[in-house]
Amino acid sequence: MMYIAADKERCVVLGTYIVENRATVRQTAARYGVSKSTVHKDVTETLRHVNRVLFEEVAKVLEQNKNERHLRGGEATRQRHLSRSERK
């Protein structure tokens, strides 16, 4: 768990992680030990005022993740059904 005191510092660290790793909000929250709500608020609200260029890069990654979300969810469901059928 990483504790970053200043909101301005934290939003830059979280935003940088998302861009460098093409990470989701959930993955970023798990990595830094903060809530998904904190990550989302930091990278969508606070970061806009702190580092506009990074904010725009993060927004692109989050939009891509949003567009691919149904694919990841569908794959998880498929894998779950395959593992259940193998147990029978």
PDB file of N, CA and C in Angstrom:
ATOM      1  N   MET A   1       0.844  -1.180   0.000  1.00  0.00           N
ATOM      2  CA  MET A   1       0.000   0.000   0.000  1.00  0.00           C
ATOM      3  C   MET A   1       0.882   1.233   0.000  1.00  0.00           C
ATOM      4  N   MET A   2       0.587   2.128  -0.904  1.00  0.00           N
ATOM      5  CA  MET A   2       1.383   3.340  -1.023  1.00  0.00           C
ATOM      6  C   MET A   2       0.568   4.515  -0.530  1.00  0.00           C
ATOM      7  N   TYR A   3       1.107   5.232   0.442  1.00  0.00           N
ATOM      8  CA  TYR A   3       0.399   6.401   0.949  1.00  0.00           C
ATOM      9  C   TYR A   3       1.007   7.644   0.331  1.00  0.00           C
ATOM     10  N   ILE A   4       0.201   8.384  -0.376  1.00  0.00           N
ATOM     11  CA  ILE A   4       0.644   9.629  -0.983  1.00  0.00           C
ATOM     12  C   ILE A   4      -0.196  10.730  -0.366  1.00  0.00           C
ATOM     13  N   ALA A   5       0.437  11.596   0.380  1.00  0.00           N
ATOM     14  CA  ALA A   5      -0.291  12.586   1.173  1.00  0.00           C
ATOM     15  C   ALA A   5      -1.033  13.604   0.324  1.00  0.00           C
ATOM     16  N   ALA A   6      -0.358  14.254  -0.549  1.00  0.00           N
ATOM     17  CA  ALA A   6      -0.969  15.351  -1.297  1.00  0.00           C
ATOM     18  C   ALA A   6      -1.803  14.810  -2.457  1.00  0.00           C
ATOM     19  N   ASP A   7      -3.026  15.299  -2.560  1.00  0.00           N
ATOM     20  CA  ASP A   7      -3.909  14.868  -3.649  1.00  0.00           C
ATOM     21  C   ASP A   7      -3.295  15.151  -5.009  1.00  0.00           C
ATOM     22  N   LYS A   8      -2.602  16.264  -5.122  1.00  0.00           N
ATOM     23  CA  LYS A   8      -1.999  16.630  -6.403  1.00  0.00           C
ATOM     24  C   LYS A   8      -0.910  15.642  -6.798  1.00  0.00           C
ATOM     25  N   GLU A   9      -0.107  15.222  -5.836  1.00  0.00           N
ATOM     26  CA  GLU A   9       0.929  14.232  -6.128  1.00  0.00           C
ATOM     27  C   GLU A   9       0.305  12.887  -6.470  1.00  0.00           C
ATOM     28  N   ARG A  10      -0.695  12.506  -5.687  1.00  0.00           N
ATOM     29  CA  ARG A  10      -1.331  11.205  -5.882  1.00  0.00           C
ATOM     30  C   ARG A  10      -1.980  11.105  -7.249  1.00  0.00           C
ATOM     31  N   CYS A  11      -2.659  12.145  -7.695  1.00  0.00           N
ATOM     32  CA  CYS A  11      -3.338  12.068  -8.988  1.00  0.00           C
ATOM     33  C   CYS A  11      -2.332  11.922 -10.128  1.00  0.00           C
ATOM     34  N   VAL A  12      -1.174  12.531 -10.002  1.00  0.00           N
ATOM     35  CA  VAL A  12      -0.144  12.397 -11.043  1.00  0.00           C
ATOM     36  C   VAL A  12       0.431  10.978 -11.038  1.00  0.00           C
ATOM     37  N   VAL A  13       0.693  10.439  -9.848  1.00  0.00           N
ATOM     38  CA  VAL A  13       1.220   9.072  -9.747  1.00  0.00           C
ATOM     39  C   VAL A  13       0.216   8.079 -10.321  1.00  0.00           C
ATOM     40  N   LEU A  14      -1.046   8.214  -9.939  1.00  0.00           N
ATOM     41  CA  LEU A  14      -2.078   7.297 -10.429  1.00  0.00           C
ATOM     42  C   LEU A  14      -2.262   7.429 -11.938  1.00  0.00           C
ATOM     43  N   GLY A  15      -2.300   8.662 -12.420  1.00  0.00           N
ATOM     44  CA  GLY A  15      -2.459   8.896 -13.857  1.00  0.00           C
ATOM     45  C   GLY A  15      -1.308   8.334 -14.662  1.00  0.00           C
ATOM     46  N   THR A  16      -0.104   8.518 -14.161  1.00  0.00           N
ATOM     47  CA  THR A  16       1.080   7.993 -14.843  1.00  0.00           C
ATOM     48  C   THR A  16       1.029   6.474 -14.909  1.00  0.00           C
ATOM     49  N   TYR A  17       0.616   5.840 -13.818  1.00  0.00           N
ATOM     50  CA  TYR A  17       0.513   4.376 -13.793  1.00  0.00           C
ATOM     51  C   TYR A  17      -0.502   3.892 -14.822  1.00  0.00           C
ATOM     52  N   ILE A  18      -1.642   4.549 -14.887  1.00  0.00           N
ATOM     53  CA  ILE A  18      -2.688   4.151 -15.838  1.00  0.00           C
ATOM     54  C   ILE A  18      -2.170   4.244 -17.264  1.00  0.00           C
ATOM     55  N   VAL A  19      -1.501   5.333 -17.598  1.00  0.00           N
ATOM     56  CA  VAL A  19      -1.013   5.528 -18.969  1.00  0.00           C
ATOM     57  C   VAL A  19       0.104   4.532 -19.296  1.00  0.00           C
ATOM     58  N   GLU A  20       1.070   4.382 -18.406  1.00  0.00           N
ATOM     59  CA  GLU A  20       2.213   3.503 -18.680  1.00  0.00           C
ATOM     60  C   GLU A  20       1.820   2.032 -18.791  1.00  0.00           C
ATOM     61  N   ASN A  21       0.819   1.616 -18.012  1.00  0.00           N
ATOM     62  CA  ASN A  21       0.448   0.203 -17.968  1.00  0.00           C
ATOM     63  C   ASN A  21      -0.870  -0.102 -18.659  1.00  0.00           C
ATOM     64  N   ARG A  22      -1.486   0.921 -19.261  1.00  0.00           N
ATOM     65  CA  ARG A  22      -2.807   0.767 -19.888  1.00  0.00           C
ATOM     66  C   ARG A  22      -3.759   0.109 -18.882  1.00  0.00           C
ATOM     67  N   ALA A  23      -3.644   0.508 -17.632  1.00  0.00           N
ATOM     68  CA  ALA A  23      -4.355  -0.128 -16.526  1.00  0.00           C
ATOM     69  C   ALA A  23      -5.773   0.399 -16.384  1.00  0.00           C
ATOM     70  N   THR A  24      -6.606  -0.415 -15.774  1.00  0.00           N
ATOM     71  CA  THR A  24      -7.964  -0.008 -15.459  1.00  0.00           C
ATOM     72  C   THR A  24      -7.962   0.699 -14.102  1.00  0.00           C
ATOM     73  N   VAL A  25      -9.071   1.344 -13.790  1.00  0.00           N
ATOM     74  CA  VAL A  25      -9.221   1.989 -12.486  1.00  0.00           C
ATOM     75  C   VAL A  25      -9.100   0.943 -11.387  1.00  0.00           C
ATOM     76  N   ARG A  26      -9.711  -0.203 -11.586  1.00  0.00           N
ATOM     77  CA  ARG A  26      -9.673  -1.282 -10.588  1.00  0.00           C
ATOM     78  C   ARG A  26      -8.242  -1.779 -10.366  1.00  0.00           C
ATOM     79  N   GLN A  27      -7.493  -1.990 -11.426  1.00  0.00           N
ATOM     80  CA  GLN A  27      -6.106  -2.446 -11.299  1.00  0.00           C
ATOM     81  C   GLN A  27      -5.256  -1.403 -10.579  1.00  0.00           C
ATOM     82  N   THR A  28      -5.468  -0.141 -10.910  1.00  0.00           N
ATOM     83  CA  THR A  28      -4.711   0.945 -10.290  1.00  0.00           C
ATOM     84  C   THR A  28      -5.035   1.042  -8.804  1.00  0.00           C
ATOM     85  N   ALA A  29      -6.297   0.922  -8.460  1.00  0.00           N
ATOM     86  CA  ALA A  29      -6.704   0.983  -7.059  1.00  0.00           C
ATOM     87  C   ALA A  29      -6.060  -0.149  -6.263  1.00  0.00           C
ATOM     88  N   ALA A  30      -6.048  -1.338  -6.825  1.00  0.00           N
ATOM     89  CA  ALA A  30      -5.438  -2.481  -6.149  1.00  0.00           C
ATOM     90  C   ALA A  30      -3.936  -2.280  -5.981  1.00  0.00           C
ATOM     91  N   ARG A  31      -3.298  -1.749  -6.995  1.00  0.00           N
ATOM     92  CA  ARG A  31      -1.839  -1.545  -6.963  1.00  0.00           C
ATOM     93  C   ARG A  31      -1.431  -0.555  -5.883  1.00  0.00           C
ATOM     94  N   TYR A  32      -2.197   0.513  -5.698  1.00  0.00           N
ATOM     95  CA  TYR A  32      -1.826   1.561  -4.756  1.00  0.00           C
ATOM     96  C   TYR A  32      -2.588   1.516  -3.436  1.00  0.00           C
ATOM     97  N   GLY A  33      -3.478   0.555  -3.282  1.00  0.00           N
ATOM     98  CA  GLY A  33      -4.167   0.400  -2.020  1.00  0.00           C
ATOM     99  C   GLY A  33      -5.132   1.514  -1.686  1.00  0.00           C
ATOM    100  N   VAL A  34      -5.764   2.066  -2.711  1.00  0.00           N
ATOM    101  CA  VAL A  34      -6.790   3.091  -2.507  1.00  0.00           C
ATOM    102  C   VAL A  34      -8.076   2.595  -3.160  1.00  0.00           C
ATOM    103  N   SER A  35      -9.168   3.291  -2.894  1.00  0.00           N
ATOM    104  CA  SER A  35     -10.445   2.849  -3.454  1.00  0.00           C
ATOM    105  C   SER A  35     -10.561   3.212  -4.930  1.00  0.00           C
ATOM    106  N   LYS A  36     -11.452   2.497  -5.605  1.00  0.00           N
ATOM    107  CA  LYS A  36     -11.715   2.809  -7.019  1.00  0.00           C
ATOM    108  C   LYS A  36     -12.258   4.223  -7.142  1.00  0.00           C
ATOM    109  N   SER A  37     -13.070   4.630  -6.189  1.00  0.00           N
ATOM    110  CA  SER A  37     -13.640   5.980  -6.212  1.00  0.00           C
ATOM    111  C   SER A  37     -12.551   7.039  -6.125  1.00  0.00           C
ATOM    112  N   THR A  38     -11.555   6.800  -5.283  1.00  0.00           N
ATOM    113  CA  THR A  38     -10.444   7.741  -5.148  1.00  0.00           C
ATOM    114  C   THR A  38      -9.667   7.843  -6.450  1.00  0.00           C
ATOM    115  N   VAL A  39      -9.357   6.698  -7.040  1.00  0.00           N
ATOM    116  CA  VAL A  39      -8.621   6.704  -8.308  1.00  0.00           C
ATOM    117  C   VAL A  39      -9.421   7.462  -9.362  1.00  0.00           C
ATOM    118  N   HIS A  40     -10.685   7.124  -9.486  1.00  0.00           N
ATOM    119  CA  HIS A  40     -11.512   7.750 -10.520  1.00  0.00           C
ATOM    120  C   HIS A  40     -11.607   9.255 -10.315  1.00  0.00           C
ATOM    121  N   LYS A  41     -11.848   9.689  -9.094  1.00  0.00           N
ATOM    122  CA  LYS A  41     -11.959  11.124  -8.816  1.00  0.00           C
ATOM    123  C   LYS A  41     -10.628  11.827  -9.083  1.00  0.00           C
ATOM    124  N   ASP A  42      -9.525  11.218  -8.651  1.00  0.00           N
ATOM    125  CA  ASP A  42      -8.217  11.832  -8.865  1.00  0.00           C
ATOM    126  C   ASP A  42      -7.893  12.002 -10.342  1.00  0.00           C
ATOM    127  N   VAL A  43      -8.163  10.979 -11.150  1.00  0.00           N
ATOM    128  CA  VAL A  43      -7.743  11.053 -12.557  1.00  0.00           C
ATOM    129  C   VAL A  43      -8.765  11.728 -13.469  1.00  0.00           C
ATOM    130  N   THR A  44      -9.994  11.922 -12.990  1.00  0.00           N
ATOM    131  CA  THR A  44     -10.980  12.593 -13.836  1.00  0.00           C
ATOM    132  C   THR A  44     -11.279  14.019 -13.402  1.00  0.00           C
ATOM    133  N   GLU A  45     -11.037  14.337 -12.146  1.00  0.00           N
ATOM    134  CA  GLU A  45     -11.330  15.694 -11.668  1.00  0.00           C
ATOM    135  C   GLU A  45     -10.062  16.450 -11.275  1.00  0.00           C
ATOM    136  N   THR A  46      -9.320  15.920 -10.319  1.00  0.00           N
ATOM    137  CA  THR A  46      -8.145  16.619  -9.797  1.00  0.00           C
ATOM    138  C   THR A  46      -7.056  16.750 -10.850  1.00  0.00           C
ATOM    139  N   LEU A  47      -6.789  15.685 -11.581  1.00  0.00           N
ATOM    140  CA  LEU A  47      -5.709  15.691 -12.566  1.00  0.00           C
ATOM    141  C   LEU A  47      -5.943  16.730 -13.662  1.00  0.00           C
ATOM    142  N   ARG A  48      -7.183  16.998 -13.983  1.00  0.00           N
ATOM    143  CA  ARG A  48      -7.519  17.989 -15.008  1.00  0.00           C
ATOM    144  C   ARG A  48      -6.902  19.351 -14.680  1.00  0.00           C
ATOM    145  N   HIS A  49      -6.861  19.694 -13.405  1.00  0.00           N
ATOM    146  CA  HIS A  49      -6.352  20.995 -12.969  1.00  0.00           C
ATOM    147  C   HIS A  49      -4.857  20.981 -12.676  1.00  0.00           C
ATOM    148  N   VAL A  50      -4.302  19.802 -12.490  1.00  0.00           N
ATOM    149  CA  VAL A  50      -2.894  19.680 -12.125  1.00  0.00           C
ATOM    150  C   VAL A  50      -2.004  19.496 -13.354  1.00  0.00           C
ATOM    151  N   ASN A  51      -2.403  18.594 -14.251  1.00  0.00           N
ATOM    152  CA  ASN A  51      -1.582  18.269 -15.422  1.00  0.00           C
ATOM    153  C   ASN A  51      -2.514  17.928 -16.578  1.00  0.00           C
ATOM    154  N   ARG A  52      -2.827  18.918 -17.379  1.00  0.00           N
ATOM    155  CA  ARG A  52      -3.815  18.764 -18.449  1.00  0.00           C
ATOM    156  C   ARG A  52      -3.388  17.726 -19.499  1.00  0.00           C
ATOM    157  N   VAL A  53      -2.114  17.699 -19.845  1.00  0.00           N
ATOM    158  CA  VAL A  53      -1.626  16.761 -20.858  1.00  0.00           C
ATOM    159  C   VAL A  53      -1.786  15.322 -20.376  1.00  0.00           C
ATOM    160  N   LEU A  54      -1.380  15.058 -19.127  1.00  0.00           N
ATOM    161  CA  LEU A  54      -1.531  13.718 -18.565  1.00  0.00           C
ATOM    162  C   LEU A  54      -3.001  13.356 -18.452  1.00  0.00           C
ATOM    163  N   PHE A  55      -3.827  14.319 -18.055  1.00  0.00           N
ATOM    164  CA  PHE A  55      -5.269  14.088 -17.955  1.00  0.00           C
ATOM    165  C   PHE A  55      -5.843  13.595 -19.281  1.00  0.00           C
ATOM    166  N   GLU A  56      -5.441  14.221 -20.384  1.00  0.00           N
ATOM    167  CA  GLU A  56      -5.956  13.836 -21.699  1.00  0.00           C
ATOM    168  C   GLU A  56      -5.490  12.434 -22.089  1.00  0.00           C
ATOM    169  N   GLU A  57      -4.252  12.076 -21.739  1.00  0.00           N
ATOM    170  CA  GLU A  57      -3.764  10.726 -22.021  1.00  0.00           C
ATOM    171  C   GLU A  57      -4.539   9.691 -21.201  1.00  0.00           C
ATOM    172  N   VAL A  58      -4.771  10.001 -19.932  1.00  0.00           N
ATOM    173  CA  VAL A  58      -5.533   9.096 -19.064  1.00  0.00           C
ATOM    174  C   VAL A  58      -6.945   8.927 -19.600  1.00  0.00           C
ATOM    175  N   ALA A  59      -7.550  10.020 -20.044  1.00  0.00           N
ATOM    176  CA  ALA A  59      -8.917   9.962 -20.571  1.00  0.00           C
ATOM    177  C   ALA A  59      -8.998   9.016 -21.763  1.00  0.00           C
ATOM    178  N   LYS A  60      -7.969   9.006 -22.610  1.00  0.00           N
ATOM    179  CA  LYS A  60      -7.948   8.097 -23.757  1.00  0.00           C
ATOM    180  C   LYS A  60      -7.884   6.640 -23.303  1.00  0.00           C
ATOM    181  N   VAL A  61      -7.039   6.361 -22.314  1.00  0.00           N
ATOM    182  CA  VAL A  61      -6.917   4.988 -21.803  1.00  0.00           C
ATOM    183  C   VAL A  61      -8.233   4.550 -21.162  1.00  0.00           C
ATOM    184  N   LEU A  62      -8.839   5.430 -20.360  1.00  0.00           N
ATOM    185  CA  LEU A  62     -10.095   5.079 -19.704  1.00  0.00           C
ATOM    186  C   LEU A  62     -11.205   4.851 -20.727  1.00  0.00           C
ATOM    187  N   GLU A  63     -11.219   5.632 -21.781  1.00  0.00           N
ATOM    188  CA  GLU A  63     -12.226   5.446 -22.836  1.00  0.00           C
ATOM    189  C   GLU A  63     -12.014   4.111 -23.541  1.00  0.00           C
ATOM    190  N   GLN A  64     -10.758   3.777 -23.818  1.00  0.00           N
ATOM    191  CA  GLN A  64     -10.457   2.487 -24.443  1.00  0.00           C
ATOM    192  C   GLN A  64     -10.893   1.345 -23.526  1.00  0.00           C
ATOM    193  N   ASN A  65     -10.587   1.465 -22.233  1.00  0.00           N
ATOM    194  CA  ASN A  65     -10.993   0.434 -21.275  1.00  0.00           C
ATOM    195  C   ASN A  65     -12.512   0.296 -21.240  1.00  0.00           C
ATOM    196  N   LYS A  66     -13.191   1.414 -21.298  1.00  0.00           N
ATOM    197  CA  LYS A  66     -14.651   1.394 -21.276  1.00  0.00           C
ATOM    198  C   LYS A  66     -15.201   0.684 -22.516  1.00  0.00           C
ATOM    199  N   ASN A  67     -14.594   0.958 -23.657  1.00  0.00           N
ATOM    200  CA  ASN A  67     -15.041   0.329 -24.903  1.00  0.00           C
ATOM    201  C   ASN A  67     -14.742  -1.167 -24.939  1.00  0.00           C
ATOM    202  N   GLU A  68     -13.728  -1.601 -24.227  1.00  0.00           N
ATOM    203  CA  GLU A  68     -13.353  -3.020 -24.218  1.00  0.00           C
ATOM    204  C   GLU A  68     -13.958  -3.781 -23.048  1.00  0.00           C
ATOM    205  N   ARG A  69     -14.624  -3.091 -22.155  1.00  0.00           N
ATOM    206  CA  ARG A  69     -15.134  -3.698 -20.926  1.00  0.00           C
ATOM    207  C   ARG A  69     -16.035  -4.901 -21.199  1.00  0.00           C
ATOM    208  N   HIS A  70     -16.911  -4.772 -22.172  1.00  0.00           N
ATOM    209  CA  HIS A  70     -17.825  -5.877 -22.462  1.00  0.00           C
ATOM    210  C   HIS A  70     -17.077  -7.107 -22.967  1.00  0.00           C
ATOM    211  N   LEU A  71     -15.956  -6.900 -23.627  1.00  0.00           N
ATOM    212  CA  LEU A  71     -15.166  -8.036 -24.110  1.00  0.00           C
ATOM    213  C   LEU A  71     -14.504  -8.770 -22.946  1.00  0.00           C
ATOM    214  N   ARG A  72     -13.926  -8.012 -22.002  1.00  0.00           N
ATOM    215  CA  ARG A  72     -13.289  -8.640 -20.836  1.00  0.00           C
ATOM    216  C   ARG A  72     -14.319  -9.371 -20.002  1.00  0.00           C
ATOM    217  N   GLY A  73     -15.476  -8.765 -19.802  1.00  0.00           N
ATOM    218  CA  GLY A  73     -16.535  -9.399 -19.018  1.00  0.00           C
ATOM    219  C   GLY A  73     -17.030 -10.665 -19.686  1.00  0.00           C
ATOM    220  N   GLY A  74     -17.202 -10.634 -20.986  1.00  0.00           N
ATOM    221  CA  GLY A  74     -17.660 -11.804 -21.726  1.00  0.00           C
ATOM    222  C   GLY A  74     -16.652 -12.932 -21.660  1.00  0.00           C
ATOM    223  N   GLU A  75     -15.389 -12.607 -21.723  1.00  0.00           N
ATOM    224  CA  GLU A  75     -14.341 -13.628 -21.649  1.00  0.00           C
ATOM    225  C   GLU A  75     -14.310 -14.255 -20.259  1.00  0.00           C
ATOM    226  N   ALA A  76     -14.484 -13.461 -19.229  1.00  0.00           N
ATOM    227  CA  ALA A  76     -14.498 -13.988 -17.862  1.00  0.00           C
ATOM    228  C   ALA A  76     -15.667 -14.953 -17.679  1.00  0.00           C
ATOM    229  N   THR A  77     -16.817 -14.605 -18.214  1.00  0.00           N
ATOM    230  CA  THR A  77     -17.987 -15.471 -18.113  1.00  0.00           C
ATOM    231  C   THR A  77     -17.751 -16.773 -18.877  1.00  0.00           C
ATOM    232  N   ARG A  78     -17.173 -16.686 -20.054  1.00  0.00           N
ATOM    233  CA  ARG A  78     -16.882 -17.872 -20.853  1.00  0.00           C
ATOM    234  C   ARG A  78     -15.933 -18.801 -20.105  1.00  0.00           C
ATOM    235  N   GLN A  79     -14.888 -18.237 -19.520  1.00  0.00           N
ATOM    236  CA  GLN A  79     -13.929 -19.047 -18.772  1.00  0.00           C
ATOM    237  C   GLN A  79     -14.586 -19.702 -17.557  1.00  0.00           C
ATOM    238  N   ARG A  80     -15.468 -18.997 -16.891  1.00  0.00           N
ATOM    239  CA  ARG A  80     -16.155 -19.536 -15.729  1.00  0.00           C
ATOM    240  C   ARG A  80     -17.023 -20.729 -16.135  1.00  0.00           C
ATOM    241  N   HIS A  81     -17.735 -20.597 -17.246  1.00  0.00           N
ATOM    242  CA  HIS A  81     -18.582 -21.695 -17.716  1.00  0.00           C
ATOM    243  C   HIS A  81     -17.745 -22.881 -18.172  1.00  0.00           C
ATOM    244  N   LEU A  82     -16.616 -22.626 -18.806  1.00  0.00           N
ATOM    245  CA  LEU A  82     -15.740 -23.724 -19.217  1.00  0.00           C
ATOM    246  C   LEU A  82     -15.193 -24.485 -18.003  1.00  0.00           C
ATOM    247  N   SER A  83     -14.798 -23.758 -16.974  1.00  0.00           N
ATOM    248  CA  SER A  83     -14.253 -24.427 -15.791  1.00  0.00           C
ATOM    249  C   SER A  83     -15.331 -25.220 -15.056  1.00  0.00           C
ATOM    250  N   ARG A  84     -16.550 -24.746 -15.059  1.00  0.00           N
ATOM    251  CA  ARG A  84     -17.649 -25.478 -14.416  1.00  0.00           C
ATOM    252  C   ARG A  84     -17.969 -26.758 -15.176  1.00  0.00           C
ATOM    253  N   SER A  85     -17.933 -26.678 -16.505  1.00  0.00           N
ATOM    254  CA  SER A  85     -18.239 -27.872 -17.293  1.00  0.00           C
ATOM    255  C   SER A  85     -17.145 -28.918 -17.175  1.00  0.00           C
ATOM    256  N   GLU A  86     -15.912 -28.493 -16.948  1.00  0.00           N
ATOM    257  CA  GLU A  86     -14.792 -29.432 -16.792  1.00  0.00           C
ATOM    258  C   GLU A  86     -14.876 -30.157 -15.459  1.00  0.00           C
ATOM    259  N   ARG A  87     -15.458 -29.528 -14.444  1.00  0.00           N
ATOM    260  CA  ARG A  87     -15.578 -30.158 -13.127  1.00  0.00           C
ATOM    261  C   ARG A  87     -16.606 -31.268 -13.102  1.00  0.00           C
ATOM    262  N   LYS A  88     -17.540 -31.267 -14.010  1.00  0.00           N
ATOM    263  CA  LYS A  88     -18.611 -32.268 -14.006  1.00  0.00           C
ATOM    264  C   LYS A  88     -18.146 -33.604 -14.496  1.00  0.00           C
TER     265      LYS A  88
END
